[in-house]
Amino acid sequence: MKRTKVAPPEPVLSPVAYLPSAALPDADDDALVRGLRGGDPRSTREAWFRFGPTVRRLLLRALGPVPELDDLSQEVFITFFDRVRTLRDPRTVTAFIMSITAFKIRHHLRWRWVRRWMVPSGPTSAPDLRTVQPDADSREALQRFFAALEHLGALDRTAFVLRFVEQLELQQVADALKWSTATTKRRLNRSWRRLSALLREDAALEPFLSQRTHGPEGTA
C-alpha cells in the first residue's frame, strides 16, 4: 500500500509586536516593559543600552572602581530581568532598576564590612583609580573621598551617593531605598553633617562641600 507523505506542521510563531520594529530607543517605558515581559530580545538589548550606563555609574560612584564592578552590574540586570514581571506601573521602570542597584550597593558594602571583620587584617590592594581619573592629584582626592564615605553605614552611604553625587531628587532617593520622604530627609541630614566635618579638614575636598552649605533640603 502506497503511503501518503504528510508534510510537517507549520511552526506556530508567537507574534512579537511589543516594540516598534525600527528605532527601539524611541520606545516608551510601557512598550519596553511589555517587550521584556513578552520575551522580545530587542527589548532586552534596549534595556542594556538604556539603563546600563546609569547602573554602572551608580555602582562606581558608591563603591569606587572595585574589581567586582562588572559582576555587580550583571547581577543588577539578572535581578531586573527576573523581577520585571512584578512591576505594576511600567512608567516606574527607571526607579525600579535604580532600586535594585541601590540594594546591590547596600549588599556589597555589608559583605565588604563582614569580610574585613572575618578575614585577618593584612595588606590589601586599593582600587585602581587610574581607570576613572588619570590625573594624580584628582586620584588622591578621590581616594580620600571614598575613605570619608567609609564612615557611613551601607544604607546612609547609598542614600548620600544617590542624592549628592548622582544628584537625584529627594523623592527619587526615597523611592529607590523604599523609605518615607521624612526618613530620607532625616538620614541625609545626619550623613551630611557627619561627612561635612571630615570634608572641611581636607582642602582638596572643600570644593565638593562648598557646592552645598546646608542639608539636603536647606536645613542646617
N, C-alpha and C. Protein backbone atom coordinates (compact mmCIF):
# COMPACT_ATOMS: atom_id res chain seq x y z
N MET A 1 0.84 -1.19 0.00
CA MET A 1 0.00 0.00 0.00
C MET A 1 0.88 1.24 0.00
N LYS A 2 0.54 2.14 -0.87
CA LYS A 2 1.33 3.34 -1.01
C LYS A 2 1.02 4.32 0.13
N ARG A 3 2.11 4.74 0.80
CA ARG A 3 1.94 5.67 1.91
C ARG A 3 1.87 7.12 1.41
N THR A 4 0.97 7.84 2.03
CA THR A 4 0.83 9.25 1.68
C THR A 4 1.80 10.08 2.52
N LYS A 5 2.56 10.86 1.85
CA LYS A 5 3.55 11.69 2.53
C LYS A 5 2.85 12.90 3.16
N VAL A 6 3.00 13.00 4.48
CA VAL A 6 2.36 14.11 5.20
C VAL A 6 3.39 15.16 5.52
N ALA A 7 3.11 16.38 5.14
CA ALA A 7 4.04 17.49 5.40
C ALA A 7 4.02 17.83 6.89
N PRO A 8 5.17 18.16 7.43
CA PRO A 8 5.21 18.53 8.85
C PRO A 8 4.42 19.80 9.09
N PRO A 9 3.83 19.92 10.26
CA PRO A 9 3.03 21.11 10.55
C PRO A 9 3.88 22.37 10.59
N GLU A 10 3.28 23.45 10.19
CA GLU A 10 3.98 24.72 10.24
C GLU A 10 4.21 25.13 11.69
N PRO A 11 5.41 25.60 12.01
CA PRO A 11 5.64 26.04 13.39
C PRO A 11 4.77 27.24 13.74
N VAL A 12 4.26 27.20 14.95
CA VAL A 12 3.42 28.30 15.42
C VAL A 12 4.32 29.37 16.02
N LEU A 13 4.32 30.52 15.43
CA LEU A 13 5.16 31.61 15.88
C LEU A 13 4.31 32.59 16.67
N SER A 14 4.75 32.86 17.90
CA SER A 14 4.02 33.83 18.70
C SER A 14 4.34 35.23 18.18
N PRO A 15 3.33 36.03 17.97
CA PRO A 15 3.58 37.38 17.42
C PRO A 15 4.35 38.23 18.41
N VAL A 16 5.34 38.94 17.92
CA VAL A 16 6.12 39.87 18.74
C VAL A 16 5.86 41.27 18.21
N ALA A 17 5.00 41.97 18.90
CA ALA A 17 4.62 43.31 18.45
C ALA A 17 4.67 44.28 19.62
N TYR A 18 5.62 44.08 20.49
CA TYR A 18 5.68 44.90 21.69
C TYR A 18 6.39 46.22 21.45
N LEU A 19 7.37 46.20 20.60
CA LEU A 19 8.18 47.38 20.37
C LEU A 19 8.16 47.73 18.89
N PRO A 20 8.36 48.99 18.56
CA PRO A 20 8.45 49.36 17.15
C PRO A 20 9.58 48.59 16.47
N SER A 21 9.36 48.22 15.23
CA SER A 21 10.36 47.42 14.53
C SER A 21 11.58 48.24 14.15
N ALA A 22 11.43 49.56 14.17
CA ALA A 22 12.54 50.41 13.74
C ALA A 22 13.38 50.84 14.93
N ALA A 23 13.17 52.05 15.40
CA ALA A 23 14.05 52.63 16.42
C ALA A 23 13.59 52.26 17.81
N LEU A 24 14.21 51.25 18.40
CA LEU A 24 13.86 50.84 19.76
C LEU A 24 14.16 51.91 20.79
N PRO A 25 15.21 52.71 20.64
CA PRO A 25 15.43 53.75 21.66
C PRO A 25 14.26 54.70 21.81
N ASP A 26 13.36 54.78 20.80
CA ASP A 26 12.21 55.66 20.89
C ASP A 26 11.03 55.01 21.61
N ALA A 27 11.16 53.73 21.97
CA ALA A 27 10.07 53.05 22.65
C ALA A 27 9.88 53.63 24.04
N ASP A 28 8.63 53.85 24.43
CA ASP A 28 8.39 54.38 25.76
C ASP A 28 8.54 53.26 26.80
N ASP A 29 8.46 53.65 28.08
CA ASP A 29 8.69 52.68 29.14
C ASP A 29 7.65 51.56 29.12
N ASP A 30 6.41 51.90 28.81
CA ASP A 30 5.36 50.89 28.78
C ASP A 30 5.65 49.84 27.72
N ALA A 31 6.05 50.29 26.53
CA ALA A 31 6.36 49.35 25.45
C ALA A 31 7.58 48.51 25.80
N LEU A 32 8.57 49.13 26.43
CA LEU A 32 9.78 48.39 26.80
C LEU A 32 9.45 47.29 27.81
N VAL A 33 8.66 47.61 28.82
CA VAL A 33 8.32 46.62 29.84
C VAL A 33 7.47 45.50 29.26
N ARG A 34 6.53 45.84 28.38
CA ARG A 34 5.73 44.80 27.73
C ARG A 34 6.61 43.88 26.89
N GLY A 35 7.62 44.46 26.25
CA GLY A 35 8.54 43.64 25.47
C GLY A 35 9.36 42.71 26.35
N LEU A 36 9.81 43.21 27.48
CA LEU A 36 10.59 42.39 28.41
C LEU A 36 9.74 41.25 28.96
N ARG A 37 8.51 41.56 29.30
CA ARG A 37 7.62 40.52 29.82
C ARG A 37 7.28 39.48 28.77
N GLY A 38 7.25 39.92 27.52
CA GLY A 38 6.90 39.00 26.45
C GLY A 38 8.08 38.26 25.85
N GLY A 39 9.28 38.53 26.35
CA GLY A 39 10.45 37.81 25.86
C GLY A 39 11.02 38.34 24.56
N ASP A 40 10.70 39.57 24.20
CA ASP A 40 11.25 40.16 22.98
C ASP A 40 12.74 40.45 23.20
N PRO A 41 13.62 39.79 22.45
CA PRO A 41 15.06 40.01 22.66
C PRO A 41 15.50 41.43 22.37
N ARG A 42 14.75 42.13 21.53
CA ARG A 42 15.11 43.52 21.24
C ARG A 42 14.95 44.40 22.48
N SER A 43 13.93 44.11 23.27
CA SER A 43 13.71 44.89 24.49
C SER A 43 14.80 44.62 25.51
N THR A 44 15.32 43.39 25.52
CA THR A 44 16.42 43.08 26.42
C THR A 44 17.66 43.89 26.07
N ARG A 45 17.97 43.95 24.79
CA ARG A 45 19.12 44.75 24.33
C ARG A 45 18.90 46.22 24.64
N GLU A 46 17.67 46.70 24.40
CA GLU A 46 17.39 48.10 24.65
C GLU A 46 17.53 48.45 26.14
N ALA A 47 17.12 47.53 27.01
CA ALA A 47 17.26 47.76 28.45
C ALA A 47 18.73 47.90 28.82
N TRP A 48 19.57 47.06 28.24
CA TRP A 48 21.02 47.16 28.49
C TRP A 48 21.55 48.52 28.05
N PHE A 49 21.18 48.93 26.85
CA PHE A 49 21.68 50.21 26.33
C PHE A 49 21.11 51.40 27.11
N ARG A 50 19.85 51.30 27.50
CA ARG A 50 19.19 52.42 28.15
C ARG A 50 19.62 52.60 29.61
N PHE A 51 19.74 51.51 30.34
CA PHE A 51 19.99 51.59 31.78
C PHE A 51 21.41 51.22 32.18
N GLY A 52 22.15 50.56 31.28
CA GLY A 52 23.49 50.11 31.63
C GLY A 52 24.41 51.21 32.12
N PRO A 53 24.53 52.34 31.41
CA PRO A 53 25.42 53.41 31.87
C PRO A 53 25.03 53.96 33.25
N THR A 54 23.73 54.07 33.51
CA THR A 54 23.29 54.58 34.81
C THR A 54 23.63 53.61 35.92
N VAL A 55 23.39 52.34 35.69
CA VAL A 55 23.69 51.32 36.70
C VAL A 55 25.17 51.31 37.02
N ARG A 56 26.00 51.31 35.99
CA ARG A 56 27.44 51.28 36.22
C ARG A 56 27.92 52.55 36.92
N ARG A 57 27.36 53.70 36.55
CA ARG A 57 27.77 54.95 37.18
C ARG A 57 27.41 54.97 38.66
N LEU A 58 26.22 54.48 38.99
CA LEU A 58 25.81 54.41 40.39
C LEU A 58 26.74 53.51 41.20
N LEU A 59 27.04 52.35 40.64
CA LEU A 59 27.93 51.41 41.33
C LEU A 59 29.32 52.01 41.52
N LEU A 60 29.82 52.66 40.48
CA LEU A 60 31.16 53.23 40.53
C LEU A 60 31.24 54.35 41.55
N ARG A 61 30.24 55.21 41.57
CA ARG A 61 30.28 56.35 42.48
C ARG A 61 30.06 55.93 43.94
N ALA A 62 29.34 54.85 44.15
CA ALA A 62 29.09 54.40 45.52
C ALA A 62 30.21 53.51 46.05
N LEU A 63 30.82 52.71 45.18
CA LEU A 63 31.77 51.71 45.63
C LEU A 63 33.21 52.00 45.21
N GLY A 64 33.38 52.87 44.22
CA GLY A 64 34.71 53.05 43.66
C GLY A 64 34.97 52.00 42.60
N PRO A 65 36.11 52.07 41.93
CA PRO A 65 36.42 51.11 40.85
C PRO A 65 36.85 49.75 41.40
N VAL A 66 35.94 49.08 42.09
CA VAL A 66 36.24 47.77 42.68
C VAL A 66 36.31 46.71 41.59
N PRO A 67 37.06 45.64 41.82
CA PRO A 67 37.17 44.59 40.79
C PRO A 67 35.83 43.93 40.47
N GLU A 68 34.88 43.98 41.40
CA GLU A 68 33.60 43.30 41.21
C GLU A 68 32.59 44.14 40.43
N LEU A 69 33.01 45.28 39.90
CA LEU A 69 32.06 46.21 39.29
C LEU A 69 31.27 45.58 38.15
N ASP A 70 31.94 44.88 37.26
CA ASP A 70 31.25 44.26 36.13
C ASP A 70 30.29 43.17 36.60
N ASP A 71 30.74 42.37 37.57
CA ASP A 71 29.88 41.32 38.10
C ASP A 71 28.64 41.90 38.77
N LEU A 72 28.81 43.00 39.50
CA LEU A 72 27.68 43.62 40.16
C LEU A 72 26.70 44.20 39.14
N SER A 73 27.22 44.77 38.06
CA SER A 73 26.34 45.28 37.00
C SER A 73 25.51 44.16 36.41
N GLN A 74 26.14 43.02 36.17
CA GLN A 74 25.40 41.88 35.62
C GLN A 74 24.36 41.37 36.60
N GLU A 75 24.71 41.36 37.90
CA GLU A 75 23.75 40.91 38.91
C GLU A 75 22.53 41.82 38.95
N VAL A 76 22.75 43.11 38.78
CA VAL A 76 21.62 44.05 38.76
C VAL A 76 20.66 43.69 37.63
N PHE A 77 21.21 43.43 36.44
CA PHE A 77 20.34 43.16 35.29
C PHE A 77 19.71 41.77 35.38
N ILE A 78 20.42 40.81 35.95
CA ILE A 78 19.82 39.49 36.14
C ILE A 78 18.59 39.60 37.03
N THR A 79 18.74 40.35 38.13
CA THR A 79 17.61 40.56 39.03
C THR A 79 16.50 41.35 38.34
N PHE A 80 16.89 42.37 37.58
CA PHE A 80 15.92 43.20 36.87
C PHE A 80 15.09 42.38 35.90
N PHE A 81 15.75 41.57 35.06
CA PHE A 81 15.03 40.77 34.08
C PHE A 81 14.15 39.71 34.76
N ASP A 82 14.60 39.24 35.91
CA ASP A 82 13.85 38.22 36.63
C ASP A 82 12.60 38.80 37.30
N ARG A 83 12.69 40.05 37.75
CA ARG A 83 11.60 40.63 38.53
C ARG A 83 10.74 41.64 37.78
N VAL A 84 11.06 41.89 36.52
CA VAL A 84 10.32 42.92 35.79
C VAL A 84 8.84 42.57 35.67
N ARG A 85 8.51 41.29 35.74
CA ARG A 85 7.10 40.89 35.67
C ARG A 85 6.30 41.37 36.87
N THR A 86 7.00 41.65 37.97
CA THR A 86 6.30 42.10 39.18
C THR A 86 6.06 43.60 39.19
N LEU A 87 6.60 44.30 38.20
CA LEU A 87 6.46 45.75 38.15
C LEU A 87 5.03 46.12 37.81
N ARG A 88 4.36 46.85 38.70
CA ARG A 88 2.95 47.18 38.49
C ARG A 88 2.77 48.32 37.49
N ASP A 89 3.60 49.33 37.60
CA ASP A 89 3.47 50.51 36.73
C ASP A 89 4.71 50.62 35.85
N PRO A 90 4.60 50.31 34.56
CA PRO A 90 5.77 50.37 33.68
C PRO A 90 6.45 51.73 33.64
N ARG A 91 5.71 52.78 33.99
CA ARG A 91 6.29 54.12 33.97
C ARG A 91 7.34 54.31 35.05
N THR A 92 7.40 53.40 36.01
CA THR A 92 8.37 53.49 37.09
C THR A 92 9.56 52.56 36.87
N VAL A 93 9.78 52.13 35.63
CA VAL A 93 10.83 51.15 35.37
C VAL A 93 12.22 51.70 35.71
N THR A 94 12.44 53.00 35.49
CA THR A 94 13.74 53.58 35.83
C THR A 94 13.97 53.53 37.34
N ALA A 95 12.96 53.93 38.11
CA ALA A 95 13.07 53.86 39.57
C ALA A 95 13.23 52.42 40.03
N PHE A 96 12.59 51.49 39.30
CA PHE A 96 12.66 50.07 39.64
C PHE A 96 14.09 49.55 39.55
N ILE A 97 14.78 49.83 38.45
CA ILE A 97 16.14 49.32 38.29
C ILE A 97 17.11 50.07 39.20
N MET A 98 16.84 51.33 39.50
CA MET A 98 17.68 52.05 40.44
C MET A 98 17.53 51.49 41.85
N SER A 99 16.32 51.06 42.18
CA SER A 99 16.10 50.43 43.49
C SER A 99 16.88 49.13 43.60
N ILE A 100 16.90 48.36 42.52
CA ILE A 100 17.67 47.12 42.51
C ILE A 100 19.16 47.42 42.65
N THR A 101 19.62 48.45 41.94
CA THR A 101 21.03 48.85 42.03
C THR A 101 21.38 49.28 43.45
N ALA A 102 20.49 50.06 44.08
CA ALA A 102 20.72 50.50 45.45
C ALA A 102 20.81 49.31 46.40
N PHE A 103 19.98 48.30 46.18
CA PHE A 103 20.03 47.11 47.01
C PHE A 103 21.37 46.39 46.84
N LYS A 104 21.85 46.28 45.60
CA LYS A 104 23.13 45.62 45.36
C LYS A 104 24.27 46.38 46.01
N ILE A 105 24.20 47.72 45.99
CA ILE A 105 25.23 48.53 46.64
C ILE A 105 25.25 48.24 48.14
N ARG A 106 24.07 48.28 48.77
CA ARG A 106 23.99 48.03 50.20
C ARG A 106 24.50 46.64 50.54
N HIS A 107 24.09 45.66 49.74
CA HIS A 107 24.52 44.28 49.99
C HIS A 107 26.03 44.14 49.88
N HIS A 108 26.61 44.77 48.87
CA HIS A 108 28.06 44.66 48.67
C HIS A 108 28.82 45.37 49.79
N LEU A 109 28.34 46.54 50.21
CA LEU A 109 29.00 47.25 51.29
C LEU A 109 28.96 46.43 52.59
N ARG A 110 27.85 45.79 52.87
CA ARG A 110 27.75 44.95 54.06
C ARG A 110 28.65 43.74 53.95
N TRP A 111 28.68 43.13 52.77
CA TRP A 111 29.57 41.99 52.56
C TRP A 111 31.02 42.40 52.74
N ARG A 112 31.37 43.57 52.25
CA ARG A 112 32.75 44.05 52.38
C ARG A 112 33.10 44.28 53.84
N TRP A 113 32.15 44.82 54.62
CA TRP A 113 32.40 45.04 56.04
C TRP A 113 32.58 43.72 56.77
N VAL A 114 31.73 42.73 56.47
CA VAL A 114 31.85 41.41 57.10
C VAL A 114 33.17 40.76 56.73
N ARG A 115 33.57 40.90 55.47
CA ARG A 115 34.83 40.30 55.03
C ARG A 115 36.02 40.91 55.78
N ARG A 116 35.98 42.23 55.98
CA ARG A 116 37.06 42.87 56.74
C ARG A 116 37.10 42.36 58.17
N TRP A 117 35.93 42.13 58.74
CA TRP A 117 35.84 41.70 60.13
C TRP A 117 36.26 40.24 60.30
N MET A 118 35.91 39.41 59.30
CA MET A 118 36.19 37.97 59.40
C MET A 118 37.61 37.63 58.98
N VAL A 119 38.13 38.30 57.97
CA VAL A 119 39.45 37.97 57.44
C VAL A 119 40.51 38.72 58.24
N PRO A 120 41.57 38.05 58.68
CA PRO A 120 42.64 38.74 59.42
C PRO A 120 43.20 39.90 58.63
N SER A 121 43.49 40.99 59.33
CA SER A 121 44.00 42.18 58.66
C SER A 121 45.35 41.90 58.04
N GLY A 122 45.59 42.52 56.92
CA GLY A 122 46.85 42.35 56.20
C GLY A 122 46.87 43.32 55.05
N PRO A 123 47.88 43.25 54.21
CA PRO A 123 47.95 44.18 53.07
C PRO A 123 46.80 43.94 52.10
N THR A 124 46.12 45.00 51.76
CA THR A 124 45.02 44.92 50.81
C THR A 124 45.31 45.81 49.61
N SER A 125 44.81 45.42 48.48
CA SER A 125 45.05 46.20 47.26
C SER A 125 43.97 47.26 47.13
N ALA A 126 44.38 48.50 46.98
CA ALA A 126 43.43 49.60 46.82
C ALA A 126 42.89 49.60 45.40
N PRO A 127 41.68 50.10 45.21
CA PRO A 127 41.12 50.18 43.85
C PRO A 127 42.01 51.03 42.94
N ASP A 128 42.12 50.62 41.70
CA ASP A 128 42.94 51.35 40.75
C ASP A 128 42.14 52.52 40.21
N LEU A 129 42.34 53.70 40.78
CA LEU A 129 41.58 54.88 40.39
C LEU A 129 42.03 55.45 39.05
N ARG A 130 43.09 54.92 38.48
CA ARG A 130 43.52 55.40 37.16
C ARG A 130 42.48 55.10 36.10
N THR A 131 41.60 54.13 36.37
CA THR A 131 40.57 53.78 35.40
C THR A 131 39.48 54.84 35.32
N VAL A 132 39.35 55.67 36.35
CA VAL A 132 38.32 56.71 36.35
C VAL A 132 38.88 58.11 36.42
N GLN A 133 40.14 58.26 36.83
CA GLN A 133 40.72 59.59 36.96
C GLN A 133 42.22 59.51 36.70
N PRO A 134 42.67 59.91 35.49
CA PRO A 134 44.09 59.79 35.14
C PRO A 134 44.97 60.78 35.88
N ASP A 135 44.44 61.92 36.34
CA ASP A 135 45.25 62.93 37.00
C ASP A 135 45.60 62.48 38.41
N ALA A 136 46.89 62.56 38.77
CA ALA A 136 47.36 62.04 40.05
C ALA A 136 46.74 62.78 41.23
N ASP A 137 46.68 64.10 41.17
CA ASP A 137 46.10 64.87 42.27
C ASP A 137 44.62 64.57 42.45
N SER A 138 43.92 64.46 41.35
CA SER A 138 42.49 64.15 41.42
C SER A 138 42.26 62.74 41.95
N ARG A 139 43.15 61.80 41.57
CA ARG A 139 43.02 60.44 42.09
C ARG A 139 43.19 60.42 43.60
N GLU A 140 44.14 61.21 44.09
CA GLU A 140 44.38 61.24 45.53
C GLU A 140 43.17 61.82 46.26
N ALA A 141 42.57 62.86 45.71
CA ALA A 141 41.38 63.45 46.32
C ALA A 141 40.21 62.48 46.29
N LEU A 142 40.09 61.75 45.17
CA LEU A 142 39.01 60.79 45.05
C LEU A 142 39.19 59.65 46.05
N GLN A 143 40.43 59.25 46.24
CA GLN A 143 40.71 58.20 47.22
C GLN A 143 40.31 58.65 48.63
N ARG A 144 40.58 59.90 48.94
CA ARG A 144 40.22 60.41 50.26
C ARG A 144 38.71 60.55 50.40
N PHE A 145 38.05 60.87 49.30
CA PHE A 145 36.59 60.97 49.35
C PHE A 145 35.96 59.61 49.64
N PHE A 146 36.46 58.57 48.97
CA PHE A 146 35.94 57.23 49.24
C PHE A 146 36.25 56.82 50.67
N ALA A 147 37.41 57.23 51.19
CA ALA A 147 37.76 56.93 52.57
C ALA A 147 36.78 57.61 53.53
N ALA A 148 36.36 58.84 53.19
CA ALA A 148 35.38 59.53 54.03
C ALA A 148 34.03 58.82 54.00
N LEU A 149 33.66 58.32 52.84
CA LEU A 149 32.39 57.61 52.73
C LEU A 149 32.36 56.35 53.59
N GLU A 150 33.54 55.80 53.88
CA GLU A 150 33.60 54.59 54.69
C GLU A 150 33.07 54.83 56.11
N HIS A 151 32.97 56.10 56.51
CA HIS A 151 32.45 56.41 57.85
C HIS A 151 30.93 56.28 57.92
N LEU A 152 30.28 56.10 56.78
CA LEU A 152 28.83 55.93 56.75
C LEU A 152 28.47 54.46 56.62
N GLY A 153 27.34 54.10 57.19
CA GLY A 153 26.85 52.75 57.02
C GLY A 153 26.38 52.50 55.59
N ALA A 154 26.06 51.26 55.29
CA ALA A 154 25.70 50.89 53.92
C ALA A 154 24.48 51.66 53.42
N LEU A 155 23.45 51.77 54.23
CA LEU A 155 22.24 52.46 53.81
C LEU A 155 22.47 53.95 53.64
N ASP A 156 23.12 54.56 54.63
CA ASP A 156 23.35 56.01 54.56
C ASP A 156 24.31 56.37 53.43
N ARG A 157 25.29 55.52 53.20
CA ARG A 157 26.23 55.78 52.10
C ARG A 157 25.51 55.72 50.75
N THR A 158 24.64 54.73 50.60
CA THR A 158 23.89 54.62 49.37
C THR A 158 23.01 55.84 49.15
N ALA A 159 22.32 56.26 50.20
CA ALA A 159 21.45 57.43 50.09
C ALA A 159 22.26 58.69 49.78
N PHE A 160 23.40 58.84 50.42
CA PHE A 160 24.24 60.02 50.21
C PHE A 160 24.71 60.10 48.76
N VAL A 161 25.14 59.00 48.20
CA VAL A 161 25.63 58.99 46.81
C VAL A 161 24.48 59.30 45.85
N LEU A 162 23.33 58.70 46.08
CA LEU A 162 22.19 58.94 45.20
C LEU A 162 21.79 60.42 45.19
N ARG A 163 21.82 61.03 46.38
CA ARG A 163 21.34 62.41 46.50
C ARG A 163 22.39 63.44 46.10
N PHE A 164 23.60 63.32 46.63
CA PHE A 164 24.58 64.39 46.47
C PHE A 164 25.60 64.15 45.36
N VAL A 165 25.82 62.90 45.01
CA VAL A 165 26.77 62.61 43.92
C VAL A 165 26.00 62.40 42.61
N GLU A 166 24.99 61.54 42.67
CA GLU A 166 24.17 61.30 41.48
C GLU A 166 23.16 62.42 41.26
N GLN A 167 22.90 63.21 42.32
CA GLN A 167 22.03 64.38 42.27
C GLN A 167 20.59 64.03 41.90
N LEU A 168 20.08 62.95 42.50
CA LEU A 168 18.68 62.62 42.34
C LEU A 168 17.83 63.51 43.24
N GLU A 169 16.56 63.64 42.88
CA GLU A 169 15.64 64.37 43.73
C GLU A 169 15.39 63.57 45.01
N LEU A 170 14.97 64.29 46.06
CA LEU A 170 14.74 63.64 47.35
C LEU A 170 13.75 62.49 47.23
N GLN A 171 12.67 62.70 46.48
CA GLN A 171 11.66 61.66 46.35
C GLN A 171 12.20 60.45 45.59
N GLN A 172 13.07 60.69 44.62
CA GLN A 172 13.68 59.59 43.88
C GLN A 172 14.56 58.73 44.79
N VAL A 173 15.29 59.39 45.68
CA VAL A 173 16.11 58.64 46.64
C VAL A 173 15.21 57.82 47.55
N ALA A 174 14.14 58.44 48.04
CA ALA A 174 13.21 57.72 48.91
C ALA A 174 12.61 56.51 48.20
N ASP A 175 12.24 56.69 46.94
CA ASP A 175 11.66 55.57 46.18
C ASP A 175 12.67 54.46 45.97
N ALA A 176 13.92 54.82 45.67
CA ALA A 176 14.95 53.81 45.42
C ALA A 176 15.25 52.98 46.67
N LEU A 177 15.20 53.62 47.83
CA LEU A 177 15.52 52.94 49.08
C LEU A 177 14.29 52.45 49.82
N LYS A 178 13.10 52.77 49.26
CA LYS A 178 11.83 52.36 49.87
C LYS A 178 11.70 52.94 51.29
N TRP A 179 12.08 54.20 51.42
CA TRP A 179 11.93 54.95 52.66
C TRP A 179 10.83 55.98 52.48
N SER A 180 10.33 56.49 53.61
CA SER A 180 9.45 57.65 53.53
C SER A 180 10.30 58.88 53.24
N THR A 181 9.65 59.93 52.76
CA THR A 181 10.38 61.16 52.48
C THR A 181 10.99 61.74 53.75
N ALA A 182 10.24 61.68 54.85
CA ALA A 182 10.75 62.21 56.12
C ALA A 182 11.97 61.45 56.60
N THR A 183 11.95 60.12 56.48
CA THR A 183 13.10 59.31 56.89
C THR A 183 14.31 59.61 56.01
N THR A 184 14.07 59.73 54.71
CA THR A 184 15.16 60.03 53.79
C THR A 184 15.80 61.36 54.11
N LYS A 185 14.98 62.36 54.35
CA LYS A 185 15.48 63.69 54.66
C LYS A 185 16.28 63.68 55.96
N ARG A 186 15.76 63.00 56.98
CA ARG A 186 16.45 62.96 58.27
C ARG A 186 17.81 62.26 58.17
N ARG A 187 17.85 61.13 57.47
CA ARG A 187 19.11 60.39 57.37
C ARG A 187 20.12 61.09 56.48
N LEU A 188 19.66 61.78 55.45
CA LEU A 188 20.57 62.55 54.61
C LEU A 188 21.18 63.71 55.40
N ASN A 189 20.36 64.38 56.20
CA ASN A 189 20.87 65.47 57.03
C ASN A 189 21.95 64.96 57.99
N ARG A 190 21.67 63.82 58.58
CA ARG A 190 22.64 63.24 59.52
C ARG A 190 23.93 62.87 58.82
N SER A 191 23.83 62.25 57.64
CA SER A 191 25.03 61.87 56.89
C SER A 191 25.80 63.10 56.44
N TRP A 192 25.06 64.13 56.01
CA TRP A 192 25.73 65.35 55.54
C TRP A 192 26.53 66.00 56.67
N ARG A 193 25.92 66.08 57.85
CA ARG A 193 26.64 66.68 58.98
C ARG A 193 27.89 65.88 59.34
N ARG A 194 27.78 64.58 59.27
CA ARG A 194 28.92 63.72 59.63
C ARG A 194 30.06 63.87 58.62
N LEU A 195 29.71 63.87 57.34
CA LEU A 195 30.75 63.98 56.33
C LEU A 195 31.30 65.40 56.22
N SER A 196 30.47 66.38 56.51
CA SER A 196 30.93 67.76 56.43
C SER A 196 32.13 67.99 57.34
N ALA A 197 32.06 67.42 58.52
CA ALA A 197 33.16 67.59 59.47
C ALA A 197 34.45 67.01 58.91
N LEU A 198 34.34 65.92 58.16
CA LEU A 198 35.53 65.29 57.58
C LEU A 198 36.02 66.05 56.36
N LEU A 199 35.09 66.48 55.52
CA LEU A 199 35.47 67.13 54.27
C LEU A 199 36.08 68.51 54.52
N ARG A 200 35.64 69.20 55.57
CA ARG A 200 36.18 70.52 55.85
C ARG A 200 37.66 70.46 56.24
N GLU A 201 38.11 69.31 56.70
CA GLU A 201 39.51 69.15 57.10
C GLU A 201 40.42 68.86 55.92
N ASP A 202 39.83 68.69 54.73
CA ASP A 202 40.62 68.32 53.55
C ASP A 202 40.43 69.40 52.48
N ALA A 203 41.49 70.15 52.20
CA ALA A 203 41.41 71.25 51.23
C ALA A 203 41.03 70.75 49.84
N ALA A 204 41.46 69.55 49.49
CA ALA A 204 41.17 69.03 48.16
C ALA A 204 39.70 68.71 47.98
N LEU A 205 39.00 68.43 49.09
CA LEU A 205 37.59 68.08 49.01
C LEU A 205 36.68 69.25 49.33
N GLU A 206 37.24 70.40 49.67
CA GLU A 206 36.45 71.57 50.02
C GLU A 206 35.53 72.02 48.88
N PRO A 207 35.95 71.96 47.60
CA PRO A 207 35.04 72.36 46.52
C PRO A 207 33.74 71.58 46.50
N PHE A 208 33.81 70.29 46.82
CA PHE A 208 32.58 69.49 46.86
C PHE A 208 31.65 69.99 47.95
N LEU A 209 32.22 70.29 49.12
CA LEU A 209 31.42 70.75 50.24
C LEU A 209 30.84 72.14 49.98
N SER A 210 31.61 73.01 49.33
CA SER A 210 31.16 74.39 49.11
C SER A 210 30.00 74.47 48.14
N GLN A 211 29.75 73.41 47.38
CA GLN A 211 28.62 73.41 46.46
C GLN A 211 27.29 73.41 47.21
N ARG A 212 27.31 72.95 48.46
CA ARG A 212 26.09 72.88 49.25
C ARG A 212 26.44 73.15 50.70
N THR A 213 26.01 74.26 51.23
CA THR A 213 26.38 74.66 52.58
C THR A 213 25.35 74.27 53.62
N HIS A 214 24.21 73.70 53.17
CA HIS A 214 23.17 73.28 54.11
C HIS A 214 22.85 71.83 53.87
N GLY A 215 21.88 71.34 54.65
CA GLY A 215 21.44 69.97 54.49
C GLY A 215 20.71 69.77 53.19
N PRO A 216 20.20 68.58 52.94
CA PRO A 216 19.60 68.26 51.64
C PRO A 216 18.41 69.11 51.29
N GLU A 217 17.69 69.64 52.28
CA GLU A 217 16.54 70.47 51.97
C GLU A 217 16.67 71.86 52.56
N GLY A 218 17.95 72.32 52.70
CA GLY A 218 18.18 73.66 53.21
C GLY A 218 18.10 73.78 54.71
N THR A 219 18.15 72.62 55.40
CA THR A 219 18.13 72.65 56.86
C THR A 219 19.53 72.47 57.37
N ALA A 220 19.85 73.11 58.47
CA ALA A 220 21.21 73.06 58.99
C ALA A 220 21.50 71.71 59.59
